[in-house]
Amino acid sequence: MRGSEYSILLRRIRAAGLLDRNLRYYGWKSALTATAFVAGWAAFFVLGDSWWQLGVGVFLAAVFSQIAFLGHDAGHKQIFASRRANYLYGLIAGNLAIGLSIGWWTSNHNRHHAHPNTEGADPDVMGILAFSGDRARAGKGIRRVIFRYQAWLFFPMLLLEGGSLHYSSVRAVFRWPIPNRLWEGALLAAHGVGYLSAVFLVLPPGKALAFIAVQQGLFGLYMGCTFAPNHKGMEVLPEGDNTDFLRRQVLTSRNVRGGFLVDTALGGLNYQIEHHLFPSMPRANLGRAQPIVAGYCAEIGVPYCETGLIESYVQALSHLDEVGRQTWTPPQLVD
């Protein structure tokens, strides 16, 4: 029976036309985001040597994140029917515009989608944070300290996430078997040279470094805050788990309620359950799919988690704190 449950849901989603491409949506979304990108850099050059540039850095951090969301959608083939067209879009949005390798991201992210919150398989739960007590207790040295205080360190560490994403992209070009390595590397280099040249030609060194710190720090913070509600605090599956596809995706994911502002701010990833069940579904259709998926989960008795934005962070941080406390094992009482 379980093997057919996802097929039943898939047929309902297809019948509603929710897997059809939505070029009109991505057309105006791309145009608005590109306009904001150009406007941000235009303001940067017009302002010149000024501490007001830090405000531009805040704005561009948000714009970079919106471009990342579009690159994410292209990586999942949500925009075009053609694999090549989606990849080219991802190269422009990811590698050239914001300095993130679409080839690295797609490879890494697809592993996450295949095994969300699964130890030993999901790269997102094998990073700097511990999602389970076993991983927390296995930590040694500085990693153990980070695990212990990870709930408190979470937001400060996100300020370094932008740099980590750039580093991982460059490393992947040299070390990972990603396709089109030459183009990936060339466009990453073009972004890096263009970004640093613009900043250091317009601003003196001190202000330039402050601008980079604000812009890249807030970009990483924004990205991390977008992904934090999705899986943290949800069920963590053991290595080798064989839960069926539908339950594996639903039980490990959390939706975040909200209207247009939340949908825009989180890039549609607040519909995390629907996105995991149907990764190629265009972002604009996720909200329409939500009642169908929630109703079907209720029909077959699968828990469906949906919270408000603040509550999602409370649940995620509470889980990180609870896991972190397990790094310390109380001494055994001796009779």
C-alpha atoms as a PDB file:
ATOM      1  CA  MET A   1       0.000   0.000   0.000  1.00  0.00           C
ATOM      2  CA  ARG A   2       2.726   2.469   1.014  1.00  0.00           C
ATOM      3  CA  GLY A   3       4.541   2.078  -2.272  1.00  0.00           C
ATOM      4  CA  SER A   4       1.484   3.428  -4.081  1.00  0.00           C
ATOM      5  CA  GLU A   5       0.706   6.316  -1.712  1.00  0.00           C
ATOM      6  CA  TYR A   6       3.114   8.763  -3.331  1.00  0.00           C
ATOM      7  CA  SER A   7       1.824   7.787  -6.777  1.00  0.00           C
ATOM      8  CA  ILE A   8      -1.710   8.670  -5.724  1.00  0.00           C
ATOM      9  CA  LEU A   9      -0.587  12.097  -4.496  1.00  0.00           C
ATOM     10  CA  LEU A  10       1.485  12.647  -7.638  1.00  0.00           C
ATOM     11  CA  ARG A  11      -1.538  11.960  -9.839  1.00  0.00           C
ATOM     12  CA  ARG A  12      -3.595  14.517  -7.894  1.00  0.00           C
ATOM     13  CA  ILE A  13      -0.867  17.129  -8.228  1.00  0.00           C
ATOM     14  CA  ARG A  14      -0.482  16.509 -11.952  1.00  0.00           C
ATOM     15  CA  ALA A  15      -4.235  16.629 -12.466  1.00  0.00           C
ATOM     16  CA  ALA A  16      -4.234  20.096 -10.888  1.00  0.00           C
ATOM     17  CA  GLY A  17      -1.560  21.200 -13.383  1.00  0.00           C
ATOM     18  CA  LEU A  18       0.880  22.134 -10.610  1.00  0.00           C
ATOM     19  CA  LEU A  19       3.952  20.599 -12.248  1.00  0.00           C
ATOM     20  CA  ASP A  20       3.498  22.700 -15.405  1.00  0.00           C
ATOM     21  CA  ARG A  21       6.201  25.292 -16.071  1.00  0.00           C
ATOM     22  CA  ASN A  22       5.368  28.917 -15.224  1.00  0.00           C
ATOM     23  CA  LEU A  23       7.588  31.066 -17.443  1.00  0.00           C
ATOM     24  CA  ARG A  24       5.491  34.189 -16.882  1.00  0.00           C
ATOM     25  CA  TYR A  25       6.149  34.061 -13.125  1.00  0.00           C
ATOM     26  CA  TYR A  26       9.872  33.513 -13.549  1.00  0.00           C
ATOM     27  CA  GLY A  27      10.015  36.166 -16.247  1.00  0.00           C
ATOM     28  CA  TRP A  28       8.774  39.006 -14.045  1.00  0.00           C
ATOM     29  CA  LYS A  29      10.539  37.611 -10.976  1.00  0.00           C
ATOM     30  CA  SER A  30      13.862  37.544 -12.810  1.00  0.00           C
ATOM     31  CA  ALA A  31      13.310  41.009 -14.251  1.00  0.00           C
ATOM     32  CA  LEU A  32      12.536  42.560 -10.841  1.00  0.00           C
ATOM     33  CA  THR A  33      15.490  40.852  -9.192  1.00  0.00           C
ATOM     34  CA  ALA A  34      17.869  41.871 -11.991  1.00  0.00           C
ATOM     35  CA  THR A  35      16.616  45.457 -11.729  1.00  0.00           C
ATOM     36  CA  ALA A  36      17.277  45.467  -7.989  1.00  0.00           C
ATOM     37  CA  PHE A  37      20.761  44.037  -8.590  1.00  0.00           C
ATOM     38  CA  VAL A  38      21.633  46.748 -11.128  1.00  0.00           C
ATOM     39  CA  ALA A  39      20.060  49.472  -8.966  1.00  0.00           C
ATOM     40  CA  GLY A  40      22.094  48.358  -5.950  1.00  0.00           C
ATOM     41  CA  TRP A  41      25.398  48.521  -7.782  1.00  0.00           C
ATOM     42  CA  ALA A  42      24.393  51.797  -9.466  1.00  0.00           C
ATOM     43  CA  ALA A  43      23.759  53.303  -6.015  1.00  0.00           C
ATOM     44  CA  PHE A  44      27.134  51.955  -4.907  1.00  0.00           C
ATOM     45  CA  PHE A  45      28.976  53.807  -7.676  1.00  0.00           C
ATOM     46  CA  VAL A  46      26.934  56.983  -7.249  1.00  0.00           C
ATOM     47  CA  LEU A  47      27.528  57.169  -3.484  1.00  0.00           C
ATOM     48  CA  GLY A  48      31.279  56.717  -3.815  1.00  0.00           C
ATOM     49  CA  ASP A  49      33.473  57.143  -0.743  1.00  0.00           C
ATOM     50  CA  SER A  50      30.836  57.174   1.968  1.00  0.00           C
ATOM     51  CA  TRP A  51      29.883  55.180   5.048  1.00  0.00           C
ATOM     52  CA  TRP A  52      26.347  55.137   3.627  1.00  0.00           C
ATOM     53  CA  GLN A  53      27.686  52.323   1.483  1.00  0.00           C
ATOM     54  CA  LEU A  54      27.008  50.009   4.407  1.00  0.00           C
ATOM     55  CA  GLY A  55      23.314  50.563   3.731  1.00  0.00           C
ATOM     56  CA  VAL A  56      23.920  49.539   0.121  1.00  0.00           C
ATOM     57  CA  GLY A  57      25.655  46.453   1.482  1.00  0.00           C
ATOM     58  CA  VAL A  58      22.534  45.548   3.450  1.00  0.00           C
ATOM     59  CA  PHE A  59      20.395  45.981   0.337  1.00  0.00           C
ATOM     60  CA  LEU A  60      22.727  43.915  -1.853  1.00  0.00           C
ATOM     61  CA  ALA A  61      22.829  41.150   0.761  1.00  0.00           C
ATOM     62  CA  ALA A  62      19.060  40.794   0.349  1.00  0.00           C
ATOM     63  CA  VAL A  63      19.323  40.955  -3.456  1.00  0.00           C
ATOM     64  CA  PHE A  64      22.071  38.315  -3.534  1.00  0.00           C
ATOM     65  CA  SER A  65      19.776  36.057  -1.509  1.00  0.00           C
ATOM     66  CA  GLN A  66      16.886  36.566  -3.924  1.00  0.00           C
ATOM     67  CA  ILE A  67      19.208  35.682  -6.808  1.00  0.00           C
ATOM     68  CA  ALA A  68      20.282  32.579  -4.889  1.00  0.00           C
ATOM     69  CA  PHE A  69      16.630  31.537  -4.649  1.00  0.00           C
ATOM     70  CA  LEU A  70      16.311  31.814  -8.427  1.00  0.00           C
ATOM     71  CA  GLY A  71      19.503  29.791  -8.859  1.00  0.00           C
ATOM     72  CA  HIS A  72      18.029  27.200  -6.501  1.00  0.00           C
ATOM     73  CA  ASP A  73      14.899  26.975  -8.654  1.00  0.00           C
ATOM     74  CA  ALA A  74      16.970  26.614 -11.814  1.00  0.00           C
ATOM     75  CA  GLY A  75      19.028  23.877 -10.155  1.00  0.00           C
ATOM     76  CA  HIS A  76      15.791  21.970  -9.529  1.00  0.00           C
ATOM     77  CA  LYS A  77      14.703  22.519 -13.160  1.00  0.00           C
ATOM     78  CA  GLN A  78      11.671  24.510 -12.059  1.00  0.00           C
ATOM     79  CA  ILE A  79      12.058  27.305 -14.604  1.00  0.00           C
ATOM     80  CA  PHE A  80      12.533  25.716 -18.041  1.00  0.00           C
ATOM     81  CA  ALA A  81      11.677  22.309 -19.489  1.00  0.00           C
ATOM     82  CA  SER A  82      15.209  22.053 -20.868  1.00  0.00           C
ATOM     83  CA  ARG A  83      17.987  20.855 -18.535  1.00  0.00           C
ATOM     84  CA  ARG A  84      20.507  22.953 -20.493  1.00  0.00           C
ATOM     85  CA  ALA A  85      18.441  26.153 -20.204  1.00  0.00           C
ATOM     86  CA  ASN A  86      18.107  25.720 -16.433  1.00  0.00           C
ATOM     87  CA  TYR A  87      21.843  25.115 -16.119  1.00  0.00           C
ATOM     88  CA  LEU A  88      22.720  28.218 -18.145  1.00  0.00           C
ATOM     89  CA  TYR A  89      20.350  30.283 -15.998  1.00  0.00           C
ATOM     90  CA  GLY A  90      22.040  28.854 -12.905  1.00  0.00           C
ATOM     91  CA  LEU A  91      25.493  29.733 -14.251  1.00  0.00           C
ATOM     92  CA  ILE A  92      24.477  33.363 -14.735  1.00  0.00           C
ATOM     93  CA  ALA A  93      22.546  33.720 -11.474  1.00  0.00           C
ATOM     94  CA  GLY A  94      24.886  31.634  -9.337  1.00  0.00           C
ATOM     95  CA  ASN A  95      28.440  31.703 -10.645  1.00  0.00           C
ATOM     96  CA  LEU A  96      28.478  35.116 -12.307  1.00  0.00           C
ATOM     97  CA  ALA A  97      26.058  37.247 -10.281  1.00  0.00           C
ATOM     98  CA  ILE A  98      26.726  36.073  -6.720  1.00  0.00           C
ATOM     99  CA  GLY A  99      29.789  33.818  -6.904  1.00  0.00           C
ATOM    100  CA  LEU A 100      28.232  30.435  -6.047  1.00  0.00           C
ATOM    101  CA  SER A 101      28.879  27.392  -8.242  1.00  0.00           C
ATOM    102  CA  ILE A 102      25.650  25.961  -9.636  1.00  0.00           C
ATOM    103  CA  GLY A 103      27.428  22.666 -10.362  1.00  0.00           C
ATOM    104  CA  TRP A 104      28.632  22.286  -6.773  1.00  0.00           C
ATOM    105  CA  TRP A 105      25.328  23.399  -5.294  1.00  0.00           C
ATOM    106  CA  THR A 106      23.228  21.048  -7.447  1.00  0.00           C
ATOM    107  CA  SER A 107      25.384  18.036  -6.604  1.00  0.00           C
ATOM    108  CA  ASN A 108      25.416  18.796  -2.886  1.00  0.00           C
ATOM    109  CA  HIS A 109      21.752  19.753  -2.663  1.00  0.00           C
ATOM    110  CA  ASN A 110      20.499  16.727  -4.559  1.00  0.00           C
ATOM    111  CA  ARG A 111      22.128  14.489  -1.943  1.00  0.00           C
ATOM    112  CA  HIS A 112      20.184  16.395   0.709  1.00  0.00           C
ATOM    113  CA  HIS A 113      16.913  15.944  -1.147  1.00  0.00           C
ATOM    114  CA  ALA A 114      17.475  12.225  -1.592  1.00  0.00           C
ATOM    115  CA  HIS A 115      18.114  11.642   2.129  1.00  0.00           C
ATOM    116  CA  PRO A 116      16.910  14.639   4.195  1.00  0.00           C
ATOM    117  CA  ASN A 117      17.957  14.616   7.854  1.00  0.00           C
ATOM    118  CA  THR A 118      19.575  11.197   7.403  1.00  0.00           C
ATOM    119  CA  GLU A 119      22.859  10.673   9.191  1.00  0.00           C
ATOM    120  CA  GLY A 120      25.702   9.576   6.962  1.00  0.00           C
ATOM    121  CA  ALA A 121      23.795  10.566   3.798  1.00  0.00           C
ATOM    122  CA  ASP A 122      22.537  14.161   4.086  1.00  0.00           C
ATOM    123  CA  PRO A 123      25.461  16.623   3.821  1.00  0.00           C
ATOM    124  CA  ASP A 124      23.387  19.226   5.660  1.00  0.00           C
ATOM    125  CA  VAL A 125      23.449  17.177   8.886  1.00  0.00           C
ATOM    126  CA  MET A 126      27.142  16.329   8.647  1.00  0.00           C
ATOM    127  CA  GLY A 127      28.434  19.879   8.911  1.00  0.00           C
ATOM    128  CA  ILE A 128      29.428  22.074  11.815  1.00  0.00           C
ATOM    129  CA  LEU A 129      26.240  21.448  13.819  1.00  0.00           C
ATOM    130  CA  ALA A 130      24.978  18.293  15.522  1.00  0.00           C
ATOM    131  CA  PHE A 131      21.379  17.236  14.898  1.00  0.00           C
ATOM    132  CA  SER A 132      21.400  14.074  16.998  1.00  0.00           C
ATOM    133  CA  GLY A 133      22.659  13.075  20.418  1.00  0.00           C
ATOM    134  CA  ASP A 134      24.957  10.410  18.945  1.00  0.00           C
ATOM    135  CA  ARG A 135      26.733  12.971  16.784  1.00  0.00           C
ATOM    136  CA  ALA A 136      26.965  15.442  19.669  1.00  0.00           C
ATOM    137  CA  ARG A 137      28.515  12.860  21.991  1.00  0.00           C
ATOM    138  CA  ALA A 138      31.006  11.827  19.295  1.00  0.00           C
ATOM    139  CA  GLY A 139      32.360  15.366  18.961  1.00  0.00           C
ATOM    140  CA  LYS A 140      35.976  15.984  20.010  1.00  0.00           C
ATOM    141  CA  GLY A 141      37.956  19.116  20.826  1.00  0.00           C
ATOM    142  CA  ILE A 142      36.664  22.397  19.429  1.00  0.00           C
ATOM    143  CA  ARG A 143      33.895  20.582  17.561  1.00  0.00           C
ATOM    144  CA  ARG A 144      32.563  19.308  20.886  1.00  0.00           C
ATOM    145  CA  VAL A 145      32.546  22.857  22.283  1.00  0.00           C
ATOM    146  CA  ILE A 146      30.656  24.099  19.218  1.00  0.00           C
ATOM    147  CA  PHE A 147      28.141  21.283  19.571  1.00  0.00           C
ATOM    148  CA  ARG A 148      27.603  22.112  23.234  1.00  0.00           C
ATOM    149  CA  TYR A 149      26.817  25.779  22.591  1.00  0.00           C
ATOM    150  CA  GLN A 150      25.467  25.477  19.047  1.00  0.00           C
ATOM    151  CA  ALA A 151      22.092  27.033  19.834  1.00  0.00           C
ATOM    152  CA  TRP A 152      23.854  30.183  21.096  1.00  0.00           C
ATOM    153  CA  LEU A 153      26.453  30.174  18.315  1.00  0.00           C
ATOM    154  CA  PHE A 154      23.976  29.512  15.517  1.00  0.00           C
ATOM    155  CA  PHE A 155      23.237  33.078  14.395  1.00  0.00           C
ATOM    156  CA  PRO A 156      26.809  34.404  14.899  1.00  0.00           C
ATOM    157  CA  MET A 157      28.176  31.506  12.838  1.00  0.00           C
ATOM    158  CA  LEU A 158      25.762  32.311  10.022  1.00  0.00           C
ATOM    159  CA  LEU A 159      27.650  35.574   9.495  1.00  0.00           C
ATOM    160  CA  LEU A 160      30.459  33.394   8.118  1.00  0.00           C
ATOM    161  CA  GLU A 161      28.163  31.362   5.866  1.00  0.00           C
ATOM    162  CA  GLY A 162      28.636  33.609   2.831  1.00  0.00           C
ATOM    163  CA  GLY A 163      32.393  33.074   2.907  1.00  0.00           C
ATOM    164  CA  SER A 164      31.867  29.348   3.409  1.00  0.00           C
ATOM    165  CA  LEU A 165      29.630  29.140   0.339  1.00  0.00           C
ATOM    166  CA  HIS A 166      32.210  30.934  -1.811  1.00  0.00           C
ATOM    167  CA  TYR A 167      35.002  28.721  -0.504  1.00  0.00           C
ATOM    168  CA  SER A 168      33.024  25.540  -1.159  1.00  0.00           C
ATOM    169  CA  SER A 169      32.259  26.714  -4.700  1.00  0.00           C
ATOM    170  CA  VAL A 170      35.903  27.390  -5.538  1.00  0.00           C
ATOM    171  CA  ARG A 171      37.068  24.146  -3.915  1.00  0.00           C
ATOM    172  CA  ALA A 172      34.485  22.167  -5.894  1.00  0.00           C
ATOM    173  CA  VAL A 173      35.761  23.599  -9.187  1.00  0.00           C
ATOM    174  CA  PHE A 174      39.233  22.271  -8.402  1.00  0.00           C
ATOM    175  CA  ARG A 175      38.349  19.008  -6.643  1.00  0.00           C
ATOM    176  CA  TRP A 176      34.838  17.830  -7.515  1.00  0.00           C
ATOM    177  CA  PRO A 177      33.913  16.041 -10.759  1.00  0.00           C
ATOM    178  CA  ILE A 178      31.430  18.758 -11.710  1.00  0.00           C
ATOM    179  CA  PRO A 179      30.527  19.246 -15.397  1.00  0.00           C
ATOM    180  CA  ASN A 180      31.712  22.248 -17.403  1.00  0.00           C
ATOM    181  CA  ARG A 181      34.521  22.922 -14.936  1.00  0.00           C
ATOM    182  CA  LEU A 182      36.112  25.544 -17.192  1.00  0.00           C
ATOM    183  CA  TRP A 183      32.943  27.624 -17.475  1.00  0.00           C
ATOM    184  CA  GLU A 184      32.171  27.208 -13.793  1.00  0.00           C
ATOM    185  CA  GLY A 185      35.648  28.415 -12.831  1.00  0.00           C
ATOM    186  CA  ALA A 186      35.763  31.230 -15.374  1.00  0.00           C
ATOM    187  CA  LEU A 187      32.457  32.718 -14.255  1.00  0.00           C
ATOM    188  CA  LEU A 188      33.363  32.392 -10.568  1.00  0.00           C
ATOM    189  CA  ALA A 189      36.641  34.193 -11.312  1.00  0.00           C
ATOM    190  CA  ALA A 190      34.782  36.885 -13.271  1.00  0.00           C
ATOM    191  CA  HIS A 191      32.490  37.466 -10.296  1.00  0.00           C
ATOM    192  CA  GLY A 192      35.361  37.602  -7.819  1.00  0.00           C
ATOM    193  CA  VAL A 193      37.465  39.991  -9.897  1.00  0.00           C
ATOM    194  CA  GLY A 194      34.493  42.207 -10.719  1.00  0.00           C
ATOM    195  CA  TYR A 195      33.201  42.340  -7.146  1.00  0.00           C
ATOM    196  CA  LEU A 196      36.554  43.062  -5.499  1.00  0.00           C
ATOM    197  CA  SER A 197      37.641  45.518  -8.207  1.00  0.00           C
ATOM    198  CA  ALA A 198      34.430  47.524  -7.862  1.00  0.00           C
ATOM    199  CA  VAL A 199      34.630  47.654  -4.076  1.00  0.00           C
ATOM    200  CA  PHE A 200      38.320  48.564  -3.801  1.00  0.00           C
ATOM    201  CA  LEU A 201      38.266  51.035  -6.709  1.00  0.00           C
ATOM    202  CA  VAL A 202      35.365  52.995  -5.213  1.00  0.00           C
ATOM    203  CA  LEU A 203      36.177  52.726  -1.505  1.00  0.00           C
ATOM    204  CA  PRO A 204      39.380  53.131   0.521  1.00  0.00           C
ATOM    205  CA  PRO A 205      40.621  49.875   2.107  1.00  0.00           C
ATOM    206  CA  GLY A 206      38.939  50.333   5.511  1.00  0.00           C
ATOM    207  CA  LYS A 207      35.514  51.118   4.114  1.00  0.00           C
ATOM    208  CA  ALA A 208      35.921  48.458   1.442  1.00  0.00           C
ATOM    209  CA  LEU A 209      36.548  45.774   4.051  1.00  0.00           C
ATOM    210  CA  ALA A 210      33.626  47.043   6.142  1.00  0.00           C
ATOM    211  CA  PHE A 211      31.347  46.914   3.088  1.00  0.00           C
ATOM    212  CA  ILE A 212      32.410  43.339   2.273  1.00  0.00           C
ATOM    213  CA  ALA A 213      31.927  42.261   5.883  1.00  0.00           C
ATOM    214  CA  VAL A 214      28.404  43.712   6.014  1.00  0.00           C
ATOM    215  CA  GLN A 215      27.314  42.579   2.567  1.00  0.00           C
ATOM    216  CA  GLN A 216      28.724  39.057   2.737  1.00  0.00           C
ATOM    217  CA  GLY A 217      27.948  38.595   6.428  1.00  0.00           C
ATOM    218  CA  LEU A 218      24.297  39.512   6.030  1.00  0.00           C
ATOM    219  CA  PHE A 219      24.050  37.466   2.831  1.00  0.00           C
ATOM    220  CA  GLY A 220      25.168  34.394   4.779  1.00  0.00           C
ATOM    221  CA  LEU A 221      22.876  35.265   7.684  1.00  0.00           C
ATOM    222  CA  TYR A 222      19.900  35.642   5.351  1.00  0.00           C
ATOM    223  CA  MET A 223      20.637  32.324   3.644  1.00  0.00           C
ATOM    224  CA  GLY A 224      21.043  30.507   6.940  1.00  0.00           C
ATOM    225  CA  CYS A 225      17.871  32.001   8.409  1.00  0.00           C
ATOM    226  CA  THR A 226      15.990  30.882   5.307  1.00  0.00           C
ATOM    227  CA  PHE A 227      17.119  27.269   5.620  1.00  0.00           C
ATOM    228  CA  ALA A 228      16.978  27.022   9.438  1.00  0.00           C
ATOM    229  CA  PRO A 229      13.191  26.431   9.756  1.00  0.00           C
ATOM    230  CA  ASN A 230      13.112  23.742   7.080  1.00  0.00           C
ATOM    231  CA  HIS A 231      14.518  20.662   8.846  1.00  0.00           C
ATOM    232  CA  LYS A 232      16.140  21.572  12.168  1.00  0.00           C
ATOM    233  CA  GLY A 233      14.146  20.063  15.008  1.00  0.00           C
ATOM    234  CA  MET A 234      12.375  17.604  12.739  1.00  0.00           C
ATOM    235  CA  GLU A 235      12.886  13.844  12.776  1.00  0.00           C
ATOM    236  CA  VAL A 236      16.495  12.717  12.242  1.00  0.00           C
ATOM    237  CA  LEU A 237      16.751   9.372  10.476  1.00  0.00           C
ATOM    238  CA  PRO A 238      19.533   6.878  11.216  1.00  0.00           C
ATOM    239  CA  GLU A 239      22.099   5.864   8.631  1.00  0.00           C
ATOM    240  CA  GLY A 240      20.698   3.238   6.271  1.00  0.00           C
ATOM    241  CA  ASP A 241      17.082   4.146   7.034  1.00  0.00           C
ATOM    242  CA  ASN A 242      14.604   2.687   4.518  1.00  0.00           C
ATOM    243  CA  THR A 243      11.529   4.839   5.240  1.00  0.00           C
ATOM    244  CA  ASP A 244       9.417   5.224   2.096  1.00  0.00           C
ATOM    245  CA  PHE A 245       9.860   8.352  -0.015  1.00  0.00           C
ATOM    246  CA  LEU A 246       6.693  10.185   0.999  1.00  0.00           C
ATOM    247  CA  ARG A 247       7.214   9.749   4.734  1.00  0.00           C
ATOM    248  CA  ARG A 248      10.946  10.440   4.499  1.00  0.00           C
ATOM    249  CA  GLN A 249      10.248  13.832   2.927  1.00  0.00           C
ATOM    250  CA  VAL A 250       7.250  14.832   5.070  1.00  0.00           C
ATOM    251  CA  LEU A 251       8.452  13.705   8.488  1.00  0.00           C
ATOM    252  CA  THR A 252      11.797  15.483   8.161  1.00  0.00           C
ATOM    253  CA  SER A 253      10.421  18.794   6.858  1.00  0.00           C
ATOM    254  CA  ARG A 254       8.572  21.750   8.384  1.00  0.00           C
ATOM    255  CA  ASN A 255       6.408  24.334   6.634  1.00  0.00           C
ATOM    256  CA  VAL A 256       6.219  27.967   7.717  1.00  0.00           C
ATOM    257  CA  ARG A 257       2.884  29.760   7.520  1.00  0.00           C
ATOM    258  CA  GLY A 258       2.666  33.242   6.073  1.00  0.00           C
ATOM    259  CA  GLY A 259       1.418  35.325   3.219  1.00  0.00           C
ATOM    260  CA  PHE A 260       3.095  37.139   0.359  1.00  0.00           C
ATOM    261  CA  LEU A 261       5.855  38.652   2.520  1.00  0.00           C
ATOM    262  CA  VAL A 262       6.919  35.328   4.040  1.00  0.00           C
ATOM    263  CA  ASP A 263       6.724  33.609   0.653  1.00  0.00           C
ATOM    264  CA  THR A 264       8.955  36.308  -0.858  1.00  0.00           C
ATOM    265  CA  ALA A 265      11.395  36.565   2.032  1.00  0.00           C
ATOM    266  CA  LEU A 266      11.930  32.797   2.196  1.00  0.00           C
ATOM    267  CA  GLY A 267      11.969  32.262  -1.545  1.00  0.00           C
ATOM    268  CA  GLY A 268       9.042  29.834  -1.405  1.00  0.00           C
ATOM    269  CA  LEU A 269      11.074  27.471   0.778  1.00  0.00           C
ATOM    270  CA  ASN A 270       8.528  27.959   3.537  1.00  0.00           C
ATOM    271  CA  TYR A 271       6.577  25.314   1.584  1.00  0.00           C
ATOM    272  CA  GLN A 272       9.358  22.876   2.392  1.00  0.00           C
ATOM    273  CA  ILE A 273       7.201  19.750   2.477  1.00  0.00           C
ATOM    274  CA  GLU A 274       5.725  20.377  -0.969  1.00  0.00           C
ATOM    275  CA  HIS A 275       9.150  21.334  -2.322  1.00  0.00           C
ATOM    276  CA  HIS A 276      10.690  18.094  -1.074  1.00  0.00           C
ATOM    277  CA  LEU A 277       7.885  15.975  -2.439  1.00  0.00           C
ATOM    278  CA  PHE A 278       7.973  17.743  -5.831  1.00  0.00           C
ATOM    279  CA  PRO A 279      11.396  19.419  -6.283  1.00  0.00           C
ATOM    280  CA  SER A 280      10.721  20.432  -9.893  1.00  0.00           C
ATOM    281  CA  MET A 281       7.428  22.161  -9.067  1.00  0.00           C
ATOM    282  CA  PRO A 282       7.636  25.881  -9.938  1.00  0.00           C
ATOM    283  CA  ARG A 283       7.824  28.036  -6.840  1.00  0.00           C
ATOM    284  CA  ALA A 284       4.597  29.874  -7.666  1.00  0.00           C
ATOM    285  CA  ASN A 285       2.641  26.603  -7.495  1.00  0.00           C
ATOM    286  CA  LEU A 286       3.842  25.424  -4.083  1.00  0.00           C
ATOM    287  CA  GLY A 287       1.186  27.361  -2.175  1.00  0.00           C
ATOM    288  CA  ARG A 288      -1.555  25.890  -4.355  1.00  0.00           C
ATOM    289  CA  ALA A 289      -0.190  22.397  -3.757  1.00  0.00           C
ATOM    290  CA  GLN A 290      -0.097  22.855   0.024  1.00  0.00           C
ATOM    291  CA  PRO A 291      -3.772  22.106   0.832  1.00  0.00           C
ATOM    292  CA  ILE A 292      -3.715  19.070  -1.469  1.00  0.00           C
ATOM    293  CA  VAL A 293      -0.621  17.661   0.248  1.00  0.00           C
ATOM    294  CA  ALA A 294      -1.810  18.499   3.774  1.00  0.00           C
ATOM    295  CA  GLY A 295      -5.194  16.931   3.095  1.00  0.00           C
ATOM    296  CA  TYR A 296      -3.639  13.793   1.680  1.00  0.00           C
ATOM    297  CA  CYS A 297      -1.272  13.438   4.641  1.00  0.00           C
ATOM    298  CA  ALA A 298      -4.269  13.658   6.983  1.00  0.00           C
ATOM    299  CA  GLU A 299      -6.035  11.071   4.832  1.00  0.00           C
ATOM    300  CA  ILE A 300      -3.227   8.496   5.186  1.00  0.00           C
ATOM    301  CA  GLY A 301      -2.283   9.419   8.767  1.00  0.00           C
ATOM    302  CA  VAL A 302       1.119  11.047   8.163  1.00  0.00           C
ATOM    303  CA  PRO A 303       1.952  13.946  10.533  1.00  0.00           C
ATOM    304  CA  TYR A 304       2.243  17.257   8.651  1.00  0.00           C
ATOM    305  CA  CYS A 305       4.180  19.990  10.472  1.00  0.00           C
ATOM    306  CA  GLU A 306       3.376  23.650   9.853  1.00  0.00           C
ATOM    307  CA  THR A 307       4.185  26.546  12.205  1.00  0.00           C
ATOM    308  CA  GLY A 308       4.519  30.309  12.247  1.00  0.00           C
ATOM    309  CA  LEU A 309       7.891  31.879  11.438  1.00  0.00           C
ATOM    310  CA  ILE A 310       8.898  32.688  15.023  1.00  0.00           C
ATOM    311  CA  GLU A 311       7.766  29.298  16.301  1.00  0.00           C
ATOM    312  CA  SER A 312       9.846  27.588  13.608  1.00  0.00           C
ATOM    313  CA  TYR A 313      12.994  29.253  14.961  1.00  0.00           C
ATOM    314  CA  VAL A 314      12.001  28.433  18.541  1.00  0.00           C
ATOM    315  CA  GLN A 315      11.624  24.769  17.624  1.00  0.00           C
ATOM    316  CA  ALA A 316      14.876  24.688  15.650  1.00  0.00           C
ATOM    317  CA  LEU A 317      16.959  26.392  18.353  1.00  0.00           C
ATOM    318  CA  SER A 318      15.359  24.356  21.137  1.00  0.00           C
ATOM    319  CA  HIS A 319      16.331  21.192  19.312  1.00  0.00           C
ATOM    320  CA  LEU A 320      19.907  22.393  18.796  1.00  0.00           C
ATOM    321  CA  ASP A 321      20.145  23.260  22.487  1.00  0.00           C
ATOM    322  CA  GLU A 322      18.717  19.915  23.569  1.00  0.00           C
ATOM    323  CA  VAL A 323      21.167  18.040  21.350  1.00  0.00           C
ATOM    324  CA  GLY A 324      24.056  20.241  22.489  1.00  0.00           C
ATOM    325  CA  ARG A 325      23.402  19.376  26.115  1.00  0.00           C
ATOM    326  CA  GLN A 326      24.028  15.727  25.283  1.00  0.00           C
ATOM    327  CA  THR A 327      27.733  16.400  24.737  1.00  0.00           C
ATOM    328  CA  TRP A 328      28.039  16.263  28.535  1.00  0.00           C
ATOM    329  CA  THR A 329      27.534  12.895  30.185  1.00  0.00           C
ATOM    330  CA  PRO A 330      26.836  13.005  33.920  1.00  0.00           C
ATOM    331  CA  PRO A 331      29.323  11.006  36.015  1.00  0.00           C
ATOM    332  CA  GLN A 332      28.119   7.605  37.138  1.00  0.00           C
ATOM    333  CA  LEU A 333      27.277   7.312  40.825  1.00  0.00           C
ATOM    334  CA  VAL A 334      29.409   4.788  42.674  1.00  0.00           C
ATOM    335  CA  ASP A 335      27.893   2.897  45.623  1.00  0.00           C
END
